[in-house]
N, C-alpha and C. Protein backbone atom coordinates (compact mmCIF):
# COMPACT_ATOMS: atom_id res chain seq x y z
N MET A 1 136.59 91.65 237.00
CA MET A 1 136.36 92.58 238.09
C MET A 1 134.86 92.63 238.37
N SER A 2 134.49 92.87 239.61
CA SER A 2 133.08 92.88 239.99
C SER A 2 132.37 94.13 239.48
N TYR A 3 131.07 94.14 239.68
CA TYR A 3 130.22 95.22 239.19
C TYR A 3 129.37 95.70 240.36
N VAL A 4 129.10 97.01 240.40
CA VAL A 4 128.38 97.61 241.52
C VAL A 4 127.22 98.45 241.00
N ASP A 5 126.04 98.25 241.59
CA ASP A 5 124.90 99.14 241.39
C ASP A 5 124.86 100.06 242.60
N GLY A 6 124.82 101.37 242.35
CA GLY A 6 124.75 102.35 243.44
C GLY A 6 123.44 103.10 243.40
N MET A 7 122.96 103.53 244.59
CA MET A 7 121.69 104.23 244.70
C MET A 7 121.78 105.27 245.81
N VAL A 8 121.23 106.44 245.53
CA VAL A 8 121.10 107.49 246.53
C VAL A 8 119.66 107.97 246.50
N ALA A 9 119.06 108.16 247.67
CA ALA A 9 117.67 108.61 247.76
C ALA A 9 117.50 109.45 249.02
N ALA A 10 116.33 110.03 249.18
CA ALA A 10 115.97 110.78 250.39
C ALA A 10 114.86 110.01 251.09
N ALA A 11 115.07 109.71 252.37
CA ALA A 11 114.09 108.97 253.16
C ALA A 11 113.61 109.83 254.32
N PRO A 12 112.39 109.61 254.79
CA PRO A 12 111.90 110.38 255.94
C PRO A 12 112.82 110.19 257.15
N ALA A 13 113.19 111.29 257.80
CA ALA A 13 114.11 111.23 258.94
C ALA A 13 113.56 110.37 260.07
N ASN A 14 112.25 110.32 260.20
CA ASN A 14 111.65 109.51 261.26
C ASN A 14 111.34 108.09 260.79
N GLY A 15 111.87 107.69 259.64
CA GLY A 15 111.57 106.39 259.07
C GLY A 15 112.74 105.43 259.01
N LYS A 16 113.70 105.59 259.91
CA LYS A 16 114.90 104.74 259.86
C LYS A 16 114.57 103.26 260.01
N ASP A 17 113.68 102.93 260.94
CA ASP A 17 113.33 101.52 261.15
C ASP A 17 112.66 100.93 259.91
N ALA A 18 111.73 101.68 259.32
CA ALA A 18 111.04 101.21 258.11
C ALA A 18 112.04 101.04 256.97
N TYR A 19 112.98 101.98 256.85
CA TYR A 19 113.99 101.88 255.80
C TYR A 19 114.86 100.64 256.03
N LEU A 20 115.27 100.41 257.26
CA LEU A 20 116.12 99.26 257.56
C LEU A 20 115.40 97.94 257.25
N GLU A 21 114.13 97.85 257.59
CA GLU A 21 113.36 96.65 257.29
C GLU A 21 113.28 96.42 255.78
N TYR A 22 113.02 97.49 255.03
CA TYR A 22 112.96 97.38 253.58
C TYR A 22 114.34 96.97 253.03
N ALA A 23 115.40 97.60 253.53
CA ALA A 23 116.75 97.31 253.06
C ALA A 23 117.11 95.85 253.31
N GLN A 24 116.69 95.31 254.44
CA GLN A 24 116.99 93.90 254.73
C GLN A 24 116.26 92.98 253.76
N ARG A 25 115.01 93.30 253.45
CA ARG A 25 114.28 92.49 252.47
C ARG A 25 114.94 92.59 251.10
N ALA A 26 115.33 93.81 250.71
CA ALA A 26 115.98 94.01 249.41
C ALA A 26 117.31 93.25 249.34
N ALA A 27 118.07 93.26 250.42
CA ALA A 27 119.34 92.54 250.45
C ALA A 27 119.12 91.05 250.24
N GLU A 28 118.11 90.49 250.90
CA GLU A 28 117.80 89.07 250.71
C GLU A 28 117.47 88.77 249.25
N VAL A 29 116.68 89.65 248.64
CA VAL A 29 116.30 89.46 247.24
C VAL A 29 117.54 89.51 246.34
N PHE A 30 118.35 90.57 246.48
CA PHE A 30 119.51 90.72 245.60
C PHE A 30 120.51 89.57 245.79
N LYS A 31 120.70 89.12 247.02
CA LYS A 31 121.62 88.01 247.24
C LYS A 31 121.07 86.72 246.64
N SER A 32 119.74 86.55 246.67
CA SER A 32 119.16 85.36 246.04
C SER A 32 119.29 85.40 244.52
N LEU A 33 119.52 86.60 243.97
CA LEU A 33 119.67 86.77 242.52
C LEU A 33 121.14 86.77 242.09
N GLY A 34 122.06 86.56 243.05
CA GLY A 34 123.47 86.45 242.69
C GLY A 34 124.39 87.54 243.21
N ALA A 35 123.86 88.55 243.89
CA ALA A 35 124.72 89.60 244.44
C ALA A 35 125.62 89.00 245.52
N THR A 36 126.83 89.54 245.64
CA THR A 36 127.76 89.05 246.65
C THR A 36 127.67 89.84 247.95
N SER A 37 127.26 91.10 247.87
CA SER A 37 127.08 91.89 249.09
C SER A 37 126.14 93.06 248.80
N VAL A 38 125.50 93.52 249.87
CA VAL A 38 124.60 94.67 249.79
C VAL A 38 124.90 95.55 250.99
N VAL A 39 125.09 96.84 250.76
CA VAL A 39 125.39 97.79 251.84
C VAL A 39 124.36 98.91 251.79
N ASP A 40 123.80 99.24 252.95
CA ASP A 40 122.87 100.36 253.07
C ASP A 40 123.37 101.30 254.14
N CYS A 41 123.33 102.60 253.85
CA CYS A 41 123.86 103.61 254.76
C CYS A 41 122.83 104.71 255.01
N TRP A 42 122.77 105.18 256.26
CA TRP A 42 121.85 106.23 256.69
C TRP A 42 122.66 107.51 256.87
N GLY A 43 122.32 108.56 256.14
CA GLY A 43 123.11 109.78 256.15
C GLY A 43 123.19 110.46 257.51
N GLU A 44 124.39 110.88 257.87
CA GLU A 44 124.60 111.65 259.10
C GLU A 44 125.29 112.98 258.81
N THR A 45 126.37 112.93 258.05
CA THR A 45 127.12 114.13 257.71
C THR A 45 127.09 114.27 256.20
N VAL A 46 125.99 114.83 255.69
CA VAL A 46 125.78 114.94 254.24
C VAL A 46 125.42 116.39 253.94
N PRO A 47 126.43 117.25 253.75
CA PRO A 47 126.17 118.68 253.62
C PRO A 47 125.52 119.07 252.29
N ASN A 48 124.78 120.16 252.34
CA ASN A 48 124.26 120.77 251.11
C ASN A 48 125.42 121.42 250.39
N GLY A 49 125.40 121.39 249.08
CA GLY A 49 126.44 122.04 248.30
C GLY A 49 125.93 123.34 247.70
N GLU A 50 126.83 124.08 247.09
CA GLU A 50 126.43 125.30 246.39
C GLU A 50 126.11 125.02 244.94
N VAL A 51 126.82 124.08 244.34
CA VAL A 51 126.61 123.74 242.93
C VAL A 51 125.91 122.39 242.81
N THR A 52 126.41 121.40 243.55
CA THR A 52 125.79 120.08 243.55
C THR A 52 126.14 119.36 244.85
N SER A 53 125.34 118.39 245.21
CA SER A 53 125.56 117.61 246.43
C SER A 53 124.58 116.45 246.44
N PHE A 54 124.78 115.53 247.35
CA PHE A 54 123.81 114.45 247.51
C PHE A 54 122.42 115.00 247.82
N PRO A 55 122.27 115.91 248.81
CA PRO A 55 120.93 116.44 249.09
C PRO A 55 120.28 117.11 247.88
N MET A 56 121.06 117.84 247.12
CA MET A 56 120.51 118.51 245.94
C MET A 56 120.11 117.49 244.88
N ALA A 57 120.92 116.46 244.71
CA ALA A 57 120.66 115.47 243.67
C ALA A 57 119.33 114.74 243.88
N VAL A 58 118.96 114.53 245.15
CA VAL A 58 117.71 113.81 245.45
C VAL A 58 116.60 114.75 245.93
N LYS A 59 116.85 116.07 245.82
CA LYS A 59 115.87 117.08 246.24
C LYS A 59 115.37 116.81 247.66
N LYS A 60 116.34 116.61 248.56
CA LYS A 60 116.05 116.32 249.96
C LYS A 60 115.26 117.45 250.60
N LYS A 61 114.22 117.07 251.34
CA LYS A 61 113.41 118.03 252.08
C LYS A 61 113.93 118.13 253.51
N GLU A 62 113.46 119.14 254.25
CA GLU A 62 113.93 119.38 255.62
C GLU A 62 113.75 118.17 256.54
N ASP A 63 112.68 117.43 256.34
CA ASP A 63 112.37 116.30 257.24
C ASP A 63 112.87 114.97 256.68
N GLU A 64 113.89 115.01 255.85
CA GLU A 64 114.44 113.80 255.23
C GLU A 64 115.94 113.70 255.47
N VAL A 65 116.46 112.50 255.28
CA VAL A 65 117.90 112.25 255.29
C VAL A 65 118.28 111.56 253.99
N VAL A 66 119.53 111.66 253.63
CA VAL A 66 120.03 110.99 252.43
C VAL A 66 120.42 109.56 252.81
N VAL A 67 120.00 108.61 251.98
CA VAL A 67 120.42 107.21 252.14
C VAL A 67 121.26 106.83 250.92
N PHE A 68 122.22 105.97 251.17
CA PHE A 68 123.19 105.59 250.14
C PHE A 68 123.36 104.08 250.21
N SER A 69 123.20 103.41 249.09
CA SER A 69 123.26 101.95 249.06
C SER A 69 124.03 101.47 247.84
N TRP A 70 124.60 100.28 247.97
CA TRP A 70 125.17 99.66 246.79
C TRP A 70 125.05 98.14 246.89
N VAL A 71 124.98 97.55 245.71
CA VAL A 71 124.88 96.10 245.56
C VAL A 71 126.08 95.66 244.73
N GLU A 72 126.85 94.73 245.25
CA GLU A 72 128.02 94.24 244.50
C GLU A 72 127.71 92.88 243.90
N TRP A 73 128.09 92.75 242.65
CA TRP A 73 127.87 91.52 241.87
C TRP A 73 129.23 90.97 241.45
N PRO A 74 129.32 89.65 241.18
CA PRO A 74 130.60 89.08 240.74
C PRO A 74 131.07 89.63 239.39
N SER A 75 130.13 90.03 238.54
CA SER A 75 130.46 90.53 237.20
C SER A 75 129.26 91.29 236.64
N LYS A 76 129.47 92.01 235.56
CA LYS A 76 128.35 92.70 234.91
C LYS A 76 127.36 91.68 234.36
N GLU A 77 127.87 90.56 233.87
CA GLU A 77 126.98 89.52 233.34
C GLU A 77 126.07 88.97 234.44
N ALA A 78 126.64 88.75 235.63
CA ALA A 78 125.84 88.26 236.76
C ALA A 78 124.81 89.32 237.16
N ARG A 79 125.22 90.57 237.13
CA ARG A 79 124.30 91.67 237.46
C ARG A 79 123.16 91.73 236.46
N ASP A 80 123.48 91.68 235.17
CA ASP A 80 122.44 91.74 234.14
C ASP A 80 121.46 90.58 234.28
N ALA A 81 121.98 89.38 234.56
CA ALA A 81 121.12 88.21 234.74
C ALA A 81 120.25 88.37 235.99
N GLY A 82 120.83 88.89 237.07
CA GLY A 82 120.08 89.11 238.30
C GLY A 82 118.96 90.11 238.11
N TRP A 83 119.26 91.22 237.43
CA TRP A 83 118.22 92.24 237.20
C TRP A 83 117.14 91.71 236.27
N LYS A 84 117.50 90.87 235.31
CA LYS A 84 116.49 90.29 234.41
C LYS A 84 115.51 89.44 235.22
N LYS A 85 116.05 88.60 236.11
CA LYS A 85 115.18 87.79 236.98
C LYS A 85 114.31 88.69 237.85
N PHE A 86 114.90 89.76 238.38
CA PHE A 86 114.16 90.71 239.22
C PHE A 86 112.97 91.28 238.45
N GLU A 87 113.24 91.76 237.26
CA GLU A 87 112.20 92.40 236.46
C GLU A 87 111.14 91.42 235.97
N ASP A 88 111.51 90.16 235.78
CA ASP A 88 110.58 89.16 235.25
C ASP A 88 109.75 88.46 236.32
N ASP A 89 110.03 88.73 237.60
CA ASP A 89 109.33 88.02 238.68
C ASP A 89 108.49 88.99 239.50
N PRO A 90 107.17 89.08 239.22
CA PRO A 90 106.32 90.02 239.95
C PRO A 90 106.24 89.73 241.45
N SER A 91 106.54 88.51 241.87
CA SER A 91 106.46 88.20 243.30
C SER A 91 107.53 88.94 244.10
N ILE A 92 108.61 89.35 243.44
CA ILE A 92 109.67 90.10 244.13
C ILE A 92 109.11 91.41 244.66
N PHE A 93 108.31 92.10 243.87
CA PHE A 93 107.75 93.37 244.31
C PHE A 93 106.82 93.17 245.50
N GLU A 94 106.11 92.05 245.53
CA GLU A 94 105.26 91.74 246.68
C GLU A 94 106.11 91.49 247.92
N ARG A 95 107.23 90.78 247.77
CA ARG A 95 108.12 90.51 248.91
C ARG A 95 108.74 91.79 249.44
N LEU A 96 109.10 92.69 248.54
CA LEU A 96 109.74 93.93 248.97
C LEU A 96 108.76 94.86 249.68
N GLY A 97 107.54 94.94 249.18
CA GLY A 97 106.58 95.88 249.74
C GLY A 97 106.85 97.29 249.24
N GLU A 98 106.15 98.23 249.81
CA GLU A 98 106.26 99.63 249.39
C GLU A 98 107.60 100.22 249.82
N MET A 99 108.22 100.98 248.92
CA MET A 99 109.48 101.64 249.25
C MET A 99 109.22 102.72 250.29
N PRO A 100 110.05 102.79 251.35
CA PRO A 100 109.86 103.81 252.38
C PRO A 100 110.57 105.12 252.04
N PHE A 101 110.60 105.45 250.77
CA PHE A 101 111.20 106.70 250.29
C PHE A 101 110.60 106.99 248.93
N ASP A 102 110.82 108.21 248.44
CA ASP A 102 110.27 108.62 247.15
C ASP A 102 111.18 108.14 246.02
N GLY A 103 110.77 107.07 245.36
CA GLY A 103 111.58 106.50 244.29
C GLY A 103 111.76 107.41 243.09
N LYS A 104 110.89 108.40 242.93
CA LYS A 104 111.02 109.32 241.81
C LYS A 104 112.24 110.22 241.95
N ARG A 105 112.70 110.41 243.19
CA ARG A 105 113.87 111.26 243.42
C ARG A 105 115.14 110.45 243.66
N MET A 106 115.06 109.15 243.48
CA MET A 106 116.22 108.28 243.63
C MET A 106 117.13 108.42 242.41
N ILE A 107 118.43 108.44 242.66
CA ILE A 107 119.39 108.37 241.55
C ILE A 107 120.14 107.05 241.68
N PHE A 108 120.50 106.46 240.54
CA PHE A 108 121.14 105.15 240.59
C PHE A 108 121.94 104.94 239.32
N GLY A 109 122.81 103.96 239.36
CA GLY A 109 123.58 103.62 238.18
C GLY A 109 124.43 102.39 238.43
N GLY A 110 124.95 101.82 237.35
CA GLY A 110 125.82 100.66 237.41
C GLY A 110 127.25 101.07 237.13
N PHE A 111 128.18 100.47 237.87
CA PHE A 111 129.58 100.87 237.80
C PHE A 111 130.50 99.66 237.72
N GLU A 112 131.47 99.73 236.82
CA GLU A 112 132.53 98.73 236.77
C GLU A 112 133.50 99.04 237.91
N LYS A 113 133.77 98.07 238.73
CA LYS A 113 134.73 98.26 239.82
C LYS A 113 136.13 98.20 239.22
N ILE A 114 136.89 99.28 239.36
CA ILE A 114 138.23 99.32 238.75
C ILE A 114 139.36 99.27 239.77
N ALA A 115 139.03 99.46 241.06
CA ALA A 115 140.05 99.37 242.10
C ALA A 115 139.37 99.09 243.43
N SER A 116 140.10 98.43 244.31
CA SER A 116 139.62 98.16 245.66
C SER A 116 140.84 97.96 246.54
N SER A 117 140.80 98.49 247.74
CA SER A 117 141.95 98.30 248.64
C SER A 117 141.49 98.05 250.05
């Protein structure tokens, strides 16, 4: 079964174009490292919660939107190998450029895909 890395962050509401440009560069990088697909989403209907929510998780400010992305890999082994190459190649960070969001408030994790329809 495939493996998925998921990420949620808060990006400046007026920075959609910059985010899209960064996301396209990141997708090229991840696909060159073995990812099968990369999806990036710009929040539209992302309500605040009372106990927890996407906005609360990333400490979203008034002038920000929640962004949600995932990278799908053929397997966890392919993902681990891809991330190792990513971390070992300083030129990747130069190709990506500066993140158009606050990476300190980003949440992320790796997930085993157990169902798909």
